[in-house]
N, C-alpha and C. Protein backbone atom coordinates (compact mmCIF):
# COMPACT_ATOMS: atom_id res chain seq x y z
N MET A 1 58.29 19.80 -48.85
CA MET A 1 57.02 20.38 -48.47
C MET A 1 56.14 20.60 -49.70
N ARG A 2 56.75 21.10 -50.78
CA ARG A 2 55.97 21.32 -51.99
C ARG A 2 55.43 20.02 -52.55
N ARG A 3 56.24 18.98 -52.48
CA ARG A 3 55.79 17.68 -53.00
C ARG A 3 54.61 17.16 -52.18
N THR A 4 54.66 17.35 -50.89
CA THR A 4 53.56 16.90 -50.02
C THR A 4 52.29 17.66 -50.36
N LEU A 5 52.39 18.97 -50.52
CA LEU A 5 51.21 19.77 -50.87
C LEU A 5 50.67 19.39 -52.24
N LEU A 6 51.57 19.14 -53.19
CA LEU A 6 51.14 18.73 -54.51
C LEU A 6 50.43 17.38 -54.46
N LEU A 7 50.98 16.45 -53.69
CA LEU A 7 50.36 15.14 -53.54
C LEU A 7 48.97 15.26 -52.90
N LEU A 8 48.85 16.07 -51.87
CA LEU A 8 47.55 16.28 -51.23
C LEU A 8 46.55 16.93 -52.18
N ALA A 9 47.00 17.88 -52.98
CA ALA A 9 46.11 18.52 -53.95
C ALA A 9 45.63 17.52 -55.00
N ILE A 10 46.52 16.66 -55.46
CA ILE A 10 46.14 15.64 -56.45
C ILE A 10 45.16 14.66 -55.84
N LEU A 11 45.41 14.21 -54.62
CA LEU A 11 44.49 13.28 -53.95
C LEU A 11 43.12 13.92 -53.73
N PHE A 12 43.10 15.17 -53.31
CA PHE A 12 41.83 15.87 -53.08
C PHE A 12 41.05 16.02 -54.39
N THR A 13 41.73 16.42 -55.45
CA THR A 13 41.07 16.57 -56.75
C THR A 13 40.56 15.23 -57.26
N GLY A 14 41.36 14.19 -57.10
CA GLY A 14 40.93 12.86 -57.53
C GLY A 14 39.72 12.37 -56.77
N THR A 15 39.68 12.65 -55.48
CA THR A 15 38.53 12.25 -54.66
C THR A 15 37.26 12.96 -55.12
N ILE A 16 37.36 14.24 -55.41
CA ILE A 16 36.19 15.00 -55.88
C ILE A 16 35.72 14.49 -57.23
N MET A 17 36.65 14.18 -58.11
CA MET A 17 36.28 13.74 -59.46
C MET A 17 35.60 12.37 -59.44
N TRP A 18 35.92 11.51 -58.50
CA TRP A 18 35.37 10.15 -58.47
C TRP A 18 34.22 9.98 -57.50
N THR A 19 33.77 11.05 -56.88
CA THR A 19 32.63 10.96 -55.98
C THR A 19 31.38 10.68 -56.80
N PRO A 20 30.64 9.63 -56.49
CA PRO A 20 29.44 9.33 -57.27
C PRO A 20 28.37 10.40 -57.08
N ALA A 21 27.58 10.59 -58.12
CA ALA A 21 26.48 11.54 -58.03
C ALA A 21 25.47 11.03 -57.01
N LEU A 22 25.06 11.90 -56.12
CA LEU A 22 24.14 11.49 -55.07
C LEU A 22 22.72 11.50 -55.60
N SER A 23 21.96 10.51 -55.21
CA SER A 23 20.55 10.48 -55.57
C SER A 23 19.75 10.35 -54.30
N ALA A 24 18.67 11.06 -54.25
CA ALA A 24 17.84 11.03 -53.06
C ALA A 24 16.98 9.77 -53.05
N ASP A 25 16.97 9.12 -51.92
CA ASP A 25 16.09 7.98 -51.74
C ASP A 25 14.90 8.44 -50.93
N GLY A 26 13.76 7.89 -51.24
CA GLY A 26 12.55 8.20 -50.50
C GLY A 26 11.78 6.93 -50.23
N CYS A 27 10.67 7.07 -49.57
CA CYS A 27 9.84 5.92 -49.25
C CYS A 27 8.39 6.23 -49.56
N TYR A 28 7.69 5.20 -49.97
CA TYR A 28 6.24 5.26 -50.08
C TYR A 28 5.66 4.63 -48.83
N ILE A 29 4.58 5.19 -48.34
CA ILE A 29 3.86 4.60 -47.23
C ILE A 29 2.99 3.49 -47.80
N CYS A 30 3.10 2.30 -47.22
CA CYS A 30 2.31 1.16 -47.69
C CYS A 30 1.06 1.04 -46.82
N GLY A 31 -0.09 1.03 -47.47
CA GLY A 31 -1.36 0.97 -46.76
C GLY A 31 -1.81 -0.45 -46.47
N SER A 32 -3.04 -0.57 -45.99
CA SER A 32 -3.58 -1.89 -45.66
C SER A 32 -3.71 -2.72 -46.92
N GLY A 33 -3.47 -4.00 -46.79
CA GLY A 33 -3.50 -4.90 -47.93
C GLY A 33 -2.13 -5.14 -48.53
N SER A 34 -1.10 -4.49 -47.99
CA SER A 34 0.27 -4.71 -48.47
C SER A 34 0.79 -6.03 -47.92
N THR A 35 1.78 -6.60 -48.59
CA THR A 35 2.38 -7.84 -48.12
C THR A 35 3.13 -7.59 -46.81
N ASP A 36 3.47 -8.65 -46.10
CA ASP A 36 4.16 -8.51 -44.82
C ASP A 36 5.54 -7.88 -44.99
N ALA A 37 6.23 -8.18 -46.08
CA ALA A 37 7.56 -7.60 -46.31
C ALA A 37 7.48 -6.09 -46.50
N CYS A 38 6.37 -5.61 -47.05
CA CYS A 38 6.16 -4.18 -47.29
C CYS A 38 5.07 -3.64 -46.37
N ARG A 39 5.06 -4.10 -45.15
CA ARG A 39 3.97 -3.74 -44.24
C ARG A 39 3.87 -2.24 -43.99
N ASP A 40 5.03 -1.55 -43.88
CA ASP A 40 5.01 -0.13 -43.51
C ASP A 40 5.47 0.80 -44.63
N TYR A 41 6.63 0.50 -45.23
CA TYR A 41 7.22 1.40 -46.22
C TYR A 41 7.86 0.62 -47.36
N CYS A 42 8.02 1.31 -48.49
CA CYS A 42 8.76 0.78 -49.63
C CYS A 42 9.77 1.83 -50.06
N ARG A 43 11.05 1.48 -50.04
CA ARG A 43 12.12 2.42 -50.39
C ARG A 43 12.34 2.43 -51.90
N TYR A 44 12.50 3.64 -52.45
CA TYR A 44 12.81 3.79 -53.87
C TYR A 44 14.00 4.71 -54.03
N SER A 45 14.61 4.70 -55.19
CA SER A 45 15.78 5.52 -55.47
C SER A 45 15.42 6.56 -56.51
N GLY A 46 15.85 7.79 -56.30
CA GLY A 46 15.59 8.85 -57.26
C GLY A 46 14.33 9.63 -56.93
N SER A 47 13.65 10.06 -57.97
CA SER A 47 12.45 10.89 -57.81
C SER A 47 11.20 10.05 -57.66
N ASP A 48 10.14 10.70 -57.20
CA ASP A 48 8.82 10.06 -57.09
C ASP A 48 8.23 9.99 -58.50
N THR A 49 8.38 8.84 -59.14
CA THR A 49 7.90 8.67 -60.51
C THR A 49 6.92 7.51 -60.59
N PHE A 50 6.23 7.44 -61.71
CA PHE A 50 5.28 6.35 -61.95
C PHE A 50 6.01 5.01 -61.94
N ASP A 51 7.21 4.97 -62.53
CA ASP A 51 7.98 3.72 -62.56
C ASP A 51 8.35 3.25 -61.15
N ASN A 52 8.76 4.18 -60.28
CA ASN A 52 9.09 3.80 -58.91
C ASN A 52 7.86 3.31 -58.16
N ARG A 53 6.72 3.94 -58.38
CA ARG A 53 5.48 3.47 -57.75
C ARG A 53 5.14 2.06 -58.21
N LYS A 54 5.31 1.81 -59.50
CA LYS A 54 5.01 0.47 -60.02
C LYS A 54 5.97 -0.58 -59.45
N LYS A 55 7.25 -0.22 -59.28
CA LYS A 55 8.21 -1.15 -58.69
C LYS A 55 7.80 -1.51 -57.26
N CYS A 56 7.34 -0.51 -56.51
CA CYS A 56 6.91 -0.78 -55.13
C CYS A 56 5.63 -1.60 -55.12
N GLU A 57 4.73 -1.32 -56.05
CA GLU A 57 3.51 -2.12 -56.12
C GLU A 57 3.83 -3.56 -56.48
N LYS A 58 4.81 -3.74 -57.36
CA LYS A 58 5.23 -5.09 -57.74
C LYS A 58 5.87 -5.82 -56.56
N ALA A 59 6.51 -5.05 -55.65
CA ALA A 59 7.12 -5.65 -54.46
C ALA A 59 6.08 -6.01 -53.41
N GLY A 60 4.83 -5.53 -53.58
CA GLY A 60 3.77 -5.89 -52.64
C GLY A 60 3.24 -4.75 -51.81
N CYS A 61 3.57 -3.52 -52.18
CA CYS A 61 3.14 -2.34 -51.42
C CYS A 61 1.91 -1.72 -52.07
N LYS A 62 0.90 -1.46 -51.27
CA LYS A 62 -0.27 -0.69 -51.71
C LYS A 62 0.04 0.77 -51.34
N VAL A 63 0.54 1.54 -52.31
CA VAL A 63 1.03 2.89 -52.05
C VAL A 63 -0.12 3.79 -51.60
N SER A 64 0.10 4.45 -50.44
CA SER A 64 -0.92 5.38 -49.95
C SER A 64 -0.35 6.76 -49.66
N GLY A 65 0.91 6.99 -49.99
CA GLY A 65 1.51 8.31 -49.80
C GLY A 65 3.03 8.22 -49.85
N THR A 66 3.68 9.36 -49.64
CA THR A 66 5.14 9.42 -49.63
C THR A 66 5.62 9.89 -48.27
N ALA A 67 6.85 9.54 -47.95
CA ALA A 67 7.45 9.94 -46.68
C ALA A 67 8.96 9.78 -46.77
N SER A 68 9.65 10.35 -45.79
CA SER A 68 11.08 10.06 -45.69
C SER A 68 11.21 8.67 -45.08
N CYS A 69 12.30 8.01 -45.39
CA CYS A 69 12.47 6.63 -44.93
C CYS A 69 12.80 6.58 -43.44
N PRO A 70 12.15 5.69 -42.72
CA PRO A 70 12.42 5.59 -41.28
C PRO A 70 13.75 4.89 -41.02
N THR A 71 14.34 5.20 -39.88
CA THR A 71 15.59 4.55 -39.51
C THR A 71 15.41 3.61 -38.33
N ALA A 72 14.24 3.60 -37.73
CA ALA A 72 13.98 2.72 -36.59
C ALA A 72 13.87 1.27 -37.06
N VAL A 73 14.18 0.34 -36.17
CA VAL A 73 14.20 -1.07 -36.54
C VAL A 73 12.83 -1.73 -36.48
N ASN A 74 11.84 -1.05 -35.92
CA ASN A 74 10.53 -1.68 -35.77
C ASN A 74 9.61 -1.47 -36.97
N TYR A 75 10.14 -0.96 -38.09
CA TYR A 75 9.36 -0.79 -39.31
C TYR A 75 9.78 -1.82 -40.34
N LYS A 76 8.83 -2.32 -41.10
CA LYS A 76 9.12 -3.23 -42.22
C LYS A 76 9.26 -2.36 -43.47
N VAL A 77 10.42 -2.40 -44.10
CA VAL A 77 10.68 -1.60 -45.29
C VAL A 77 11.17 -2.53 -46.39
N CYS A 78 10.44 -2.59 -47.50
CA CYS A 78 10.91 -3.37 -48.64
C CYS A 78 11.60 -2.42 -49.62
N ASN A 79 12.32 -2.97 -50.56
CA ASN A 79 13.10 -2.15 -51.50
C ASN A 79 12.59 -2.30 -52.92
N ALA A 80 12.58 -1.19 -53.63
CA ALA A 80 12.31 -1.18 -55.06
C ALA A 80 13.38 -0.34 -55.73
N LEU A 81 14.62 -0.55 -55.31
CA LEU A 81 15.73 0.25 -55.82
C LEU A 81 16.06 -0.15 -57.24
N GLN A 82 16.59 0.82 -57.98
CA GLN A 82 16.94 0.57 -59.37
C GLN A 82 18.11 -0.40 -59.43
N GLU A 83 17.99 -1.36 -60.32
CA GLU A 83 19.08 -2.31 -60.53
C GLU A 83 19.88 -1.83 -61.74
N ARG A 84 21.07 -1.28 -61.47
CA ARG A 84 21.90 -0.78 -62.55
C ARG A 84 23.26 -1.46 -62.49
N SER A 85 23.80 -1.70 -63.66
CA SER A 85 25.12 -2.32 -63.72
C SER A 85 26.19 -1.25 -63.44
N ILE A 86 27.40 -1.70 -63.19
CA ILE A 86 28.49 -0.78 -62.91
C ILE A 86 28.74 0.13 -64.10
N SER A 87 28.65 -0.41 -65.31
CA SER A 87 28.89 0.41 -66.50
C SER A 87 27.82 1.50 -66.63
N GLU A 88 26.56 1.19 -66.30
CA GLU A 88 25.51 2.21 -66.36
C GLU A 88 25.74 3.30 -65.31
N MET A 89 26.20 2.91 -64.12
CA MET A 89 26.47 3.91 -63.08
C MET A 89 27.62 4.81 -63.48
N LEU A 90 28.69 4.22 -64.05
CA LEU A 90 29.83 5.04 -64.48
C LEU A 90 29.44 5.97 -65.62
N LEU A 91 28.64 5.48 -66.55
CA LEU A 91 28.18 6.32 -67.65
C LEU A 91 27.35 7.49 -67.13
N ALA A 92 26.44 7.23 -66.20
CA ALA A 92 25.62 8.29 -65.62
C ALA A 92 26.49 9.28 -64.85
N HIS A 93 27.51 8.78 -64.16
CA HIS A 93 28.41 9.64 -63.39
C HIS A 93 29.15 10.60 -64.31
N PHE A 94 29.70 10.09 -65.41
CA PHE A 94 30.48 10.95 -66.29
C PHE A 94 29.60 11.86 -67.13
N GLN A 95 28.36 11.49 -67.40
CA GLN A 95 27.46 12.39 -68.11
C GLN A 95 27.12 13.58 -67.23
N VAL A 96 26.96 13.36 -65.95
CA VAL A 96 26.67 14.46 -65.02
C VAL A 96 27.86 15.39 -64.94
N ARG A 97 29.07 14.84 -64.90
CA ARG A 97 30.28 15.66 -64.79
C ARG A 97 30.53 16.49 -66.05
N VAL A 98 30.20 15.96 -67.22
CA VAL A 98 30.48 16.65 -68.47
C VAL A 98 29.54 17.84 -68.66
N GLN A 99 28.31 17.70 -68.26
CA GLN A 99 27.32 18.76 -68.48
C GLN A 99 27.59 19.89 -67.60
């Protein structure tokens, strides 16, 4: 019984330690003049920053505001998510844990 509890405690601790840091995703509302791929929304990762706005504009979105991302299938949503390598994600994960 003790071994089972110890194993469960180790698995639980390991799961918590390896959980990736969560980042909030949001969407920009794309106004008139946006490309067809970005007709309604442009999804970004992280905070509402100038860089994220520029990524969405580069994807073809004429940003006219912010909103939560829709889940319905009748909306066109393009992506401007950050492209990070696995090593960058692991480094960011462990920096958050250390602080």
